[in-house]
Protein backbone atom coordinates (compact mmCIF):
# COMPACT_ATOMS: atom_id res chain seq x y z
CA MET A 1 168.47 104.51 139.72
CA GLU A 2 167.95 102.45 136.24
CA ASN A 3 171.73 103.56 136.18
CA MET A 4 172.65 101.70 139.78
CA ARG A 5 171.01 98.29 138.94
CA GLN A 6 174.21 96.79 136.44
CA SER A 7 177.67 95.60 138.17
CA PRO A 8 177.92 93.75 140.82
CA ALA A 9 179.57 96.53 143.25
CA ASN A 10 175.87 98.67 142.67
CA ARG A 11 173.67 95.55 143.12
CA ILE A 12 176.23 95.56 146.46
CA LEU A 13 175.54 98.98 147.27
CA ILE A 14 171.91 98.92 146.73
CA LEU A 15 171.59 95.71 148.99
CA ILE A 16 173.55 97.31 152.08
CA LYS A 17 171.27 100.61 151.17
CA THR A 18 168.37 99.30 151.61
CA ASP A 19 168.30 96.02 154.36
CA GLY A 20 171.54 97.48 156.13
CA PRO A 21 175.21 95.92 157.25
CA GLN A 22 175.85 92.55 155.73
CA LEU A 23 177.73 89.10 156.07
CA ALA A 24 180.15 88.56 153.27
CA ALA A 25 178.16 85.71 152.82
CA ALA A 26 174.65 86.71 152.17
CA ILE A 27 175.96 89.07 149.36
CA GLY A 28 176.94 86.68 147.97
CA ASP A 29 173.54 84.53 148.64
CA ALA A 30 172.20 87.90 147.72
CA LEU A 31 173.27 87.65 143.94
CA GLY A 32 174.09 84.58 143.36
CA ILE A 33 178.67 83.82 143.99
CA SER A 34 180.19 82.63 146.54
CA GLY A 35 180.97 83.50 149.45
CA GLU A 36 184.37 84.09 148.43
CA ALA A 37 183.78 86.11 145.34
CA ALA A 38 181.40 88.27 147.16
CA ARG A 39 184.82 88.41 150.11
CA GLN A 40 186.90 89.27 146.07
CA GLN A 41 184.40 92.26 145.28
CA LEU A 42 183.71 94.18 148.69
CA SER A 43 187.96 94.14 149.45
CA LYS A 44 187.82 95.49 145.75
CA MET A 45 185.13 98.38 146.66
CA ALA A 46 186.90 99.53 150.17
CA GLU A 47 190.20 100.22 148.06
CA GLU A 48 188.20 102.36 146.52
CA GLY A 49 186.06 103.65 149.73
CA LEU A 50 182.71 102.42 149.04
CA VAL A 51 182.48 99.98 152.08
CA GLU A 52 183.83 99.13 155.14
CA PRO A 53 183.90 96.14 157.39
CA VAL A 54 183.06 96.79 161.06
CA THR A 55 183.01 93.83 163.29
CA VAL A 56 180.62 92.88 165.65
CA ALA A 57 180.82 89.79 168.30
CA GLY A 58 179.42 86.91 167.29
CA ALA A 59 175.86 85.48 169.05
CA GLY A 60 177.26 83.45 172.57
CA ARG A 61 180.19 82.54 172.28
CA GLY A 62 180.85 82.26 168.94
CA ARG A 63 183.44 83.96 166.39
CA PRO A 64 183.16 88.09 165.99
CA ARG A 65 181.76 88.15 163.26
CA GLN A 66 182.16 90.95 159.99
CA LEU A 67 179.55 93.38 159.05
CA TRP A 68 180.37 95.35 155.51
CA HIS A 69 178.47 99.05 156.03
CA LEU A 70 177.97 102.10 152.95
CA THR A 71 180.88 104.76 153.34
CA VAL A 72 180.31 108.08 153.31
CA SER A 73 181.63 108.13 149.29
CA GLY A 74 179.73 104.40 149.07
CA ASN A 75 176.27 107.11 150.48
CA ARG A 76 177.02 109.68 147.01
CA ARG A 77 176.49 107.48 145.12
CA PHE A 78 172.96 106.84 145.01
CA PRO A 79 171.63 110.39 144.40
CA ASP A 80 170.84 113.63 146.86
CA GLY A 81 168.88 116.47 144.84
CA HIS A 82 172.25 118.49 144.37
CA ALA A 83 172.44 118.20 147.76
CA GLU A 84 175.43 121.15 148.35
CA LEU A 85 173.18 123.91 145.21
CA THR A 86 170.25 123.11 147.42
CA ALA A 87 172.27 123.66 151.38
CA ASN A 88 173.07 127.13 149.69
CA LEU A 89 169.91 127.87 148.00
CA LEU A 90 168.25 127.86 151.48
CA GLY A 91 170.64 129.35 152.54
CA THR A 92 170.58 131.76 149.87
CA LEU A 93 166.58 132.41 150.71
CA VAL A 94 166.58 132.99 154.42
CA GLU A 95 169.88 135.25 155.22
CA GLN A 96 167.70 137.66 152.86
CA LEU A 97 163.83 137.55 152.64
CA GLY A 98 163.59 135.68 156.16
CA PRO A 99 162.44 132.42 157.90
CA ALA A 100 158.90 133.23 156.80
CA ALA A 101 159.91 133.16 153.29
CA LEU A 102 160.89 129.56 153.26
CA ASP A 103 157.85 128.89 155.74
CA THR A 104 156.27 129.94 152.47
CA VAL A 105 158.09 127.68 150.10
CA ILE A 106 157.75 124.27 152.05
CA SER A 107 154.14 125.21 152.46
CA ALA A 108 154.09 125.46 148.30
CA ARG A 109 155.57 122.01 148.25
CA GLU A 110 153.74 120.32 150.74
CA ALA A 111 150.86 121.19 148.67
CA GLU A 112 151.61 120.84 145.38
CA THR A 113 152.42 117.49 146.49
CA LEU A 114 149.83 116.66 148.40
CA LYS A 115 147.51 117.61 145.43
CA ARG A 116 149.31 115.16 143.24
CA TYR A 117 149.54 112.13 145.48
CA ARG A 118 146.35 112.85 145.65
CA GLN A 119 145.52 111.88 142.34
CA GLU A 120 147.66 109.17 142.47
CA LEU A 121 145.92 107.86 145.43
CA SER A 122 142.17 107.96 144.86
CA PRO A 123 141.73 104.50 142.86
CA ALA A 124 142.69 103.08 146.97
CA HIS A 125 139.78 102.50 148.63
CA ASP A 126 141.56 100.84 151.69
CA LEU A 127 144.52 101.66 154.06
CA ALA A 128 147.09 98.78 152.63
CA ALA A 129 146.26 99.72 148.94
CA ARG A 130 147.37 103.38 149.59
CA VAL A 131 150.12 102.57 151.36
CA GLU A 132 151.47 100.55 148.93
CA ALA A 133 151.10 103.23 146.38
CA LEU A 134 152.47 105.73 148.07
CA ALA A 135 155.49 103.32 148.83
CA GLY A 136 155.51 102.89 144.83
CA ILE A 137 155.36 107.03 144.06
CA ARG A 138 158.53 107.33 147.01
CA THR A 139 160.56 104.98 144.76
CA ARG A 140 160.05 106.23 141.32
CA GLU A 141 161.02 109.86 143.51
CA ASP A 142 164.38 107.76 144.46
CA TYR A 143 163.02 107.24 148.76
CA MET A 144 163.83 103.37 148.39
CA ALA A 145 160.47 102.94 150.38
CA ASP A 146 159.07 99.96 151.04
CA CYS A 147 156.12 98.53 153.07
CA TRP A 148 154.23 95.92 155.45
CA ARG A 149 151.67 94.76 157.12
CA GLN A 150 153.25 93.73 160.49
CA ALA A 151 151.07 91.30 163.13
CA ASP A 152 149.29 93.74 164.98
CA GLY A 153 147.71 95.56 161.23
CA SER A 154 149.37 98.38 161.45
CA PHE A 155 151.26 98.82 158.69
CA MET A 156 155.03 100.09 157.63
CA LEU A 157 156.25 102.90 155.50
CA VAL A 158 160.90 102.39 155.53
CA GLU A 159 162.13 104.73 153.04
CA ASN A 160 166.00 104.44 152.79
CA HIS A 161 167.17 106.80 150.89
CA CYS A 162 166.65 110.22 151.51
CA PRO A 163 167.57 112.28 148.04
CA ILE A 164 166.29 115.24 150.04
CA CYS A 165 168.48 114.89 153.06
CA ALA A 166 171.03 118.54 152.25
CA ALA A 167 167.46 120.75 152.37
CA ALA A 168 166.62 118.42 155.33
CA THR A 169 169.37 118.80 156.86
CA ALA A 170 169.31 122.62 156.37
CA CYS A 171 165.48 123.24 157.60
CA ALA A 172 163.39 120.32 159.31
CA GLY A 173 160.51 121.82 157.80
CA PHE A 174 160.34 120.40 154.71
CA CYS A 175 160.59 116.47 157.03
CA ARG A 176 157.83 117.87 159.26
CA SER A 177 155.86 118.76 155.94
CA GLU A 178 156.53 114.87 154.68
CA LEU A 179 154.93 113.64 157.63
CA GLU A 180 151.66 115.58 157.49
CA THR A 181 150.98 115.01 153.88
CA PHE A 182 151.32 110.87 154.53
CA ARG A 183 148.96 111.91 157.37
CA ALA A 184 146.92 114.07 155.03
CA VAL A 185 146.60 110.88 151.36
CA LEU A 186 146.99 108.08 153.44
CA ASP A 187 144.38 109.40 156.23
CA ALA A 188 145.59 107.79 158.90
CA GLU A 189 147.70 107.87 162.25
CA VAL A 190 151.26 108.11 161.44
CA GLU A 191 153.83 108.35 163.23
CA ARG A 192 158.24 108.79 162.36
CA SER A 193 160.05 105.69 163.89
CA GLU A 194 163.65 106.40 162.96
CA HIS A 195 164.59 109.29 160.92
CA VAL A 196 168.20 109.57 159.34
CA LEU A 197 168.85 113.50 161.19
CA ALA A 198 168.63 111.81 164.47
CA GLY A 199 171.48 109.37 163.04
CA ALA A 200 169.35 106.09 161.60
CA ARG A 201 170.14 104.35 157.70
CA ARG A 202 167.01 105.20 156.90
CA CYS A 203 162.75 107.27 157.60
CA ALA A 204 160.69 104.36 158.87
CA TYR A 205 157.14 105.45 159.56
CA ARG A 206 154.58 103.89 161.17
CA ILE A 207 150.92 103.67 159.93
CA THR A 208 147.66 102.22 162.13
CA PRO A 209 143.61 103.60 160.63
CA ARG A 210 142.45 106.42 162.49
């Protein structure tokens, strides 16, 4: 992801990917430039097919507002884990060896991931520290993760990008496996409240102590 932290255009892509659709003025504030400069940059990016404006009704009697979204091409600027190759390989695996072979692969990946995560989270002695450490791991793995404690004492873990989306689309077992891994390494109740495969822009998990 480091190569995406250089130009203003890439900073805008990351901002919209992380925080969702944005007003041009808000983008200007985040980048430390004027709203007009932000609009000029967004117009250029729109010509390149990276972003698009969507007009939404204003609050009350306010004027309609224009929120900038990522296009499919804009989302493709983020790591996709070799999407087409992954999907083809999974399809071939099931076709040649059957669904059980794919289950074996997922189980092996889960076991390896669980072992590695437990080792990295071992210094964390409470749930808050484990959630923070897990968010750090997932960010390094290109999930663009963030976390925070909520007013009721629970925690939220959000992942603004899914680098294995093609694999997860081809086999929901990857998503189920990751959810079980989170529950195990956090030693907590974990429920997925937003899901990319269900049409959300991100995956989000609510975490509560057992």
